[in-house]
Structure formats: structure tokens, C-alpha cells
Amino acid sequence: MKKYLLLLLTISLTFTSCMSKKKIVYLQGNQNVSNSSANYEPIIQNDDRLSIRISTLEPEAAVPFNLDSGSNSTSGTNVNAGYLVDSKGTIDFPVLGTVQVAGFSIEQLKLLLKEKLSKYLIDPVINIRILNFKVTVLGAVGGAGVKTFQNERVTLLDALAEAGDLTIFGKRHNILIVRDFQGLKTFNRVDITKADFVNSPFYYLDQNDVIYVEERKAKIDASALPNLPLVVSVISFLVTLTILISK
């Protein structure tokens, strides 16, 4: 009987250990998946701050089209500030005047500006960056807060890493992403324990996304055994049963 109880206890511990991995390990399952969102590009939004640099084979010809061109600047700001996209989704661009930019990807805006600048410049080269790309991470993470990035291709895993990763209490299978595009908010749930998460439209983040990691209801005190209360209950039951049988 004691051997039987020992076997039962071993099976119980193994089961709870396996269950714990399913709850905390990232990207489980078939990892031979192709990232269908690999060509993702962020869409420019209101309140984005853009760095737009124009260059050409004749540097002097491009001077009027750059913010740091002294008296030729029409924005009244310096190059570090960039172009602020206003509430109408436009910027005030030197020489060209008001240009609609919200709703464009960076590549689309490059093509638009190249077309407009072709009247003034020969083969202009256009470099565009979002200067204030940021997301907010809240909930059961190591360091919640607003996270800023120097590039525009930011994944959810990047943001979580910047926030110190999820705590052991964070729900990895039900992360909320609140996305606001041109005033329209959407609430989306993702499961980062699944390998095919990389194909999610929320694998890459948009500017100003809010990420909320919900905390599990039952807190525990040991990262190695997320199901410790269950393990303790099983052990207690087996010990009690052993005592009763012994009598």
C-alpha cells in the first residue's frame, strides 16, 4: 500500500509540474511557423513626432526642405523636435506646405514626398523615423510604465522585456492590448504561450498601444511550483490516508 501511495504522489507531482510549464513557458507548440506579419509597418498617427530628412546629389538644393536649414524652416522647431502630426493628421512641411501624413505607413509617405519633391529635386532620398514611439505596459510585470523605443518595429515581447518580463503571477495566455487608431479603440487578447502567436496582428505593436497583464487570482510563493497549493493538498490527503490505513 505504501508503495502504491508513493507512486501516486510521484504521478501527482509530475502532473502538477507539467501543468505549471503550460502556464508559464512562452511560444509552445509547433515552432516551425513562418511570421506572416514580418512585413509589418507602423501607421503614422496623430501626435506622432516625425524626423524627415531629405538628401540629394546636390546638398544645397535639399537645404530648404529640412527643418534645420535656419531661416528656411517654416515650423519654428529644431531638428530634434521633428514634425508633430496635428489633430487633423497633417504636418507643415517646408516649401510644400500642409501635407496629410496620418494613415500612411512610412514607406507610403516616402513615396508621397518623393513625388511632391520631384518638382524641385533630382532623385531625392528620404529618411523618415517616428521619434516618440512609445507603449504603456501595466499589470503583473517587473516594471510597469511607459516604454519608449528608437525604432518602429517593436514586438509585444520587446515591450514585455523592457518592462522586466511578466511576474510568475501574470496570465500569459490572456494579455490585453488596447489599440487606439485615429480615435477608434479596440480591445484585443493574445496568448504568448502559443508558438503561432508570431502570426498575430498584435505581435508587432502600434504607437501608443496599452498592454495589460492580468494577475492570476490565486497568488503563490514559489516560482518553481505554480500549483503549490494543489501539491500541498495532495500530499496532505495522502499522508492522512496513510495514517488511516496504518491504523
Protein backbone atom coordinates (compact mmCIF):
# COMPACT_ATOMS: atom_id res chain seq x y z
CA MET A 1 0.00 0.00 0.00
CA LYS A 2 2.83 2.39 0.89
CA LYS A 3 4.48 1.73 -2.48
CA TYR A 4 1.18 2.47 -4.20
CA LEU A 5 0.83 5.78 -2.31
CA LEU A 6 4.40 6.74 -3.17
CA LEU A 7 3.70 6.06 -6.85
CA LEU A 8 0.52 8.13 -6.68
CA LEU A 9 2.40 11.01 -5.07
CA THR A 10 5.09 10.89 -7.77
CA ILE A 11 2.47 10.98 -10.52
CA SER A 12 0.73 13.90 -8.83
CA LEU A 13 3.95 15.93 -8.58
CA THR A 14 4.81 15.18 -12.21
CA PHE A 15 1.35 16.20 -13.36
CA THR A 16 1.38 19.49 -11.48
CA SER A 17 4.87 20.25 -12.77
CA CYS A 18 3.75 19.67 -16.37
CA MET A 19 0.72 21.85 -15.86
CA SER A 20 2.89 24.64 -14.50
CA LYS A 21 5.05 24.69 -17.64
CA LYS A 22 2.00 25.04 -19.83
CA LYS A 23 1.08 28.19 -17.93
CA ILE A 24 4.45 29.94 -17.89
CA VAL A 25 6.53 28.82 -20.90
CA TYR A 26 6.37 31.10 -23.95
CA LEU A 27 5.82 30.05 -27.58
CA GLN A 28 4.89 26.43 -27.02
CA GLY A 29 3.78 24.06 -29.76
CA ASN A 30 4.98 23.77 -33.34
CA GLN A 31 7.70 26.38 -33.73
CA ASN A 32 8.17 25.74 -37.45
CA VAL A 33 5.86 28.64 -38.25
CA SER A 34 6.55 31.50 -40.64
CA ASN A 35 5.95 35.01 -39.38
CA SER A 36 3.15 36.24 -41.64
CA SER A 37 3.44 39.72 -40.11
CA ALA A 38 7.15 40.05 -40.98
CA ASN A 39 6.41 42.89 -43.41
CA TYR A 40 4.59 44.89 -40.77
CA GLU A 41 4.94 48.67 -40.90
CA PRO A 42 3.52 51.07 -38.30
CA ILE A 43 0.90 53.53 -39.46
CA ILE A 44 1.53 57.21 -38.75
CA GLN A 45 -0.98 58.65 -36.29
CA ASN A 46 -1.96 61.99 -34.81
CA ASP A 47 0.55 63.25 -32.21
CA ASP A 48 3.39 61.25 -33.73
CA ARG A 49 6.61 63.21 -33.99
CA LEU A 50 8.42 62.53 -37.25
CA SER A 51 12.02 63.02 -38.28
CA ILE A 52 12.09 63.64 -42.03
CA ARG A 53 15.46 64.16 -43.71
CA ILE A 54 15.82 64.98 -47.40
CA SER A 55 19.09 64.49 -49.24
CA THR A 56 20.15 64.60 -52.87
CA LEU A 57 23.26 64.63 -55.04
CA GLU A 58 23.20 68.43 -54.79
CA PRO A 59 23.16 69.02 -50.99
CA GLU A 60 22.44 72.74 -51.31
CA ALA A 61 19.24 72.02 -53.23
CA ALA A 62 17.89 69.96 -50.31
CA VAL A 63 18.57 72.62 -47.66
CA PRO A 64 15.16 74.36 -47.90
CA PHE A 65 13.36 71.05 -47.30
CA ASN A 66 14.97 70.23 -43.96
CA LEU A 67 13.94 71.63 -40.60
CA ASP A 68 17.48 72.55 -39.56
CA SER A 69 18.00 74.87 -42.52
CA GLY A 70 17.96 78.04 -40.47
CA SER A 71 15.78 80.81 -41.77
CA ASN A 72 14.24 78.49 -44.38
CA SER A 73 12.46 76.45 -41.71
CA THR A 74 8.72 77.06 -41.61
CA SER A 75 7.97 75.10 -38.49
CA GLY A 76 9.68 77.17 -35.81
CA THR A 77 11.12 73.99 -34.24
CA ASN A 78 14.54 72.35 -34.37
CA VAL A 79 15.55 69.07 -35.98
CA ASN A 80 15.43 67.20 -32.68
CA ALA A 81 11.76 68.05 -32.25
CA GLY A 82 10.81 66.84 -35.71
CA TYR A 83 7.39 67.33 -37.28
CA LEU A 84 4.44 66.96 -34.93
CA VAL A 85 1.41 65.40 -36.61
CA ASP A 86 -1.53 67.61 -35.64
CA SER A 87 -5.11 66.67 -34.77
CA LYS A 88 -6.01 66.74 -38.47
CA GLY A 89 -3.26 64.27 -39.30
CA THR A 90 -1.12 66.83 -41.14
CA ILE A 91 2.32 68.39 -40.87
CA ASP A 92 3.61 71.73 -42.11
CA PHE A 93 6.43 70.80 -44.47
CA PRO A 94 8.94 73.36 -45.79
CA VAL A 95 8.08 74.65 -49.27
CA LEU A 96 5.36 72.01 -49.76
CA GLY A 97 3.10 73.43 -47.05
CA THR A 98 0.44 71.26 -45.39
CA VAL A 99 0.87 67.54 -46.07
CA GLN A 100 -1.54 64.82 -44.93
CA VAL A 101 0.51 62.07 -43.26
CA ALA A 102 -1.74 60.25 -40.77
CA GLY A 103 -2.89 56.91 -42.08
CA PHE A 104 0.23 56.40 -44.18
CA SER A 105 2.94 53.87 -43.48
CA ILE A 106 6.48 55.23 -43.52
CA GLU A 107 7.15 53.70 -46.94
CA GLN A 108 3.93 55.18 -48.32
CA LEU A 109 4.85 58.62 -47.00
CA LYS A 110 8.30 58.34 -48.58
CA LEU A 111 6.69 57.69 -51.96
CA LEU A 112 4.28 60.58 -51.49
CA LEU A 113 7.03 63.05 -50.57
CA LYS A 114 9.28 61.82 -53.35
CA GLU A 115 6.50 62.51 -55.86
CA LYS A 116 5.92 66.00 -54.47
CA LEU A 117 9.64 66.82 -54.26
CA SER A 118 10.36 65.63 -57.80
CA LYS A 119 9.37 69.12 -58.98
CA TYR A 120 12.29 70.59 -57.06
CA LEU A 121 14.91 67.86 -56.61
CA ILE A 122 16.55 65.20 -58.73
CA ASP A 123 16.26 61.70 -57.22
CA PRO A 124 15.70 62.82 -53.61
CA VAL A 125 16.50 60.33 -50.85
CA ILE A 126 14.01 60.49 -47.97
CA ASN A 127 14.60 59.13 -44.48
CA ILE A 128 11.67 59.05 -42.05
CA ARG A 129 11.54 57.91 -38.42
CA ILE A 130 8.97 58.12 -35.65
CA LEU A 131 10.81 59.86 -32.82
CA ASN A 132 8.36 59.25 -30.00
CA PHE A 133 7.34 55.61 -30.47
CA LYS A 134 6.03 54.51 -27.09
CA VAL A 135 3.75 51.93 -25.49
CA THR A 136 2.40 51.54 -21.96
CA VAL A 137 2.82 48.29 -20.03
CA LEU A 138 0.69 47.70 -16.93
CA GLY A 139 -0.21 44.88 -14.57
CA ALA A 140 1.78 41.86 -13.44
CA VAL A 141 5.18 42.79 -14.88
CA GLY A 142 8.54 43.54 -13.30
CA GLY A 143 8.46 47.26 -14.08
CA ALA A 144 5.23 48.82 -15.34
CA GLY A 145 5.30 52.17 -17.11
CA VAL A 146 5.63 53.96 -20.43
CA LYS A 147 8.31 52.38 -22.61
CA THR A 148 9.95 54.33 -25.44
CA PHE A 149 11.84 52.84 -28.38
CA GLN A 150 14.26 54.14 -31.01
CA ASN A 151 12.74 52.05 -33.79
CA GLU A 152 9.24 51.42 -35.11
CA ARG A 153 9.28 47.61 -35.36
CA VAL A 154 8.56 46.78 -31.74
CA THR A 155 7.11 43.41 -30.79
CA LEU A 156 4.99 42.60 -27.77
CA LEU A 157 7.89 40.51 -26.46
CA ASP A 158 10.19 43.54 -26.80
CA ALA A 159 7.81 45.63 -24.69
CA LEU A 160 7.42 42.93 -22.04
CA ALA A 161 11.19 42.51 -21.84
CA GLU A 162 11.59 46.27 -21.44
CA ALA A 163 9.07 46.06 -18.59
CA GLY A 164 11.11 43.39 -16.80
CA ASP A 165 9.10 40.42 -18.13
CA LEU A 166 5.89 39.04 -16.60
CA THR A 167 5.92 38.06 -12.96
CA ILE A 168 5.15 34.45 -12.13
CA PHE A 169 1.61 35.60 -11.33
CA GLY A 170 0.92 37.14 -14.76
CA LYS A 171 -1.55 35.48 -17.12
CA ARG A 172 0.48 34.71 -20.21
CA HIS A 173 -2.45 33.25 -22.12
CA ASN A 174 -4.72 36.27 -21.85
CA ILE A 175 -2.77 39.52 -22.33
CA LEU A 176 -4.89 42.55 -23.19
CA ILE A 177 -3.74 45.02 -25.85
CA VAL A 178 -5.72 48.25 -26.13
CA ARG A 179 -5.10 49.83 -29.52
CA ASP A 180 -6.17 53.35 -30.46
CA PHE A 181 -6.04 54.28 -34.12
CA GLN A 182 -7.38 57.67 -35.13
CA GLY A 183 -9.72 57.73 -32.13
CA LEU A 184 -11.05 54.18 -32.57
CA LYS A 185 -10.17 51.93 -29.63
CA THR A 186 -10.07 48.14 -29.88
CA PHE A 187 -9.56 45.60 -27.08
CA ASN A 188 -7.63 42.51 -28.08
CA ARG A 189 -6.46 39.37 -26.26
CA VAL A 190 -3.32 37.39 -27.11
CA ASP A 191 -1.76 34.17 -25.84
CA ILE A 192 2.04 34.28 -25.79
CA THR A 193 2.31 30.66 -24.63
CA LYS A 194 1.48 29.54 -28.19
CA ALA A 195 4.13 29.48 -30.92
CA ASP A 196 1.70 30.72 -33.57
CA PHE A 197 1.39 33.97 -31.61
CA VAL A 198 4.04 35.32 -34.01
CA ASN A 199 1.32 35.37 -36.69
CA SER A 200 -0.96 37.52 -34.58
CA PRO A 201 -1.67 41.06 -35.82
CA PHE A 202 -0.60 42.12 -32.34
CA TYR A 203 2.84 40.51 -32.44
CA TYR A 204 4.09 43.90 -33.61
CA LEU A 205 2.88 46.86 -31.60
CA ASP A 206 1.47 50.16 -32.79
CA GLN A 207 2.37 53.56 -31.41
CA ASN A 208 0.58 54.24 -28.08
CA ASP A 209 -0.62 50.65 -27.54
CA VAL A 210 -1.52 49.83 -23.93
CA ILE A 211 -0.56 46.36 -22.71
CA TYR A 212 -2.21 44.99 -19.59
CA VAL A 213 -1.12 41.74 -17.97
CA GLU A 214 -3.80 40.39 -15.68
CA GLU A 215 -2.76 38.78 -12.42
CA ARG A 216 -3.88 35.29 -11.54
CA LYS A 217 -6.39 35.16 -8.70
CA ALA A 218 -4.50 32.69 -6.53
CA LYS A 219 -1.08 34.08 -5.68
CA ILE A 220 1.68 31.65 -4.86
CA ASP A 221 5.03 31.88 -3.19
CA ALA A 222 7.25 29.59 -5.24
CA SER A 223 8.12 30.13 -8.90
CA ALA A 224 9.20 26.51 -9.35
CA LEU A 225 5.76 25.21 -8.37
CA PRO A 226 2.98 27.46 -9.63
CA ASN A 227 0.49 24.78 -8.44
CA LEU A 228 2.00 24.54 -4.96
CA PRO A 229 -1.37 24.79 -3.13
CA LEU A 230 -2.63 21.79 -5.12
CA VAL A 231 0.56 19.85 -4.40
CA VAL A 232 0.24 20.56 -0.67
CA SER A 233 -3.38 19.43 -0.73
CA VAL A 234 -2.46 16.18 -2.48
CA ILE A 235 0.37 15.48 -0.04
CA SER A 236 -1.86 16.22 2.95
CA PHE A 237 -4.51 13.89 1.61
CA LEU A 238 -2.02 11.10 1.04
CA VAL A 239 -0.48 11.49 4.48
CA THR A 240 -3.91 11.40 6.10
CA LEU A 241 -4.85 8.35 4.05
CA THR A 242 -1.62 6.61 5.05
CA ILE A 243 -2.30 7.26 8.75
CA LEU A 244 -5.83 5.93 8.46
CA ILE A 245 -4.69 2.76 6.65
CA SER A 246 -1.91 2.18 9.17
CA LYS A 247 -4.45 2.18 11.97
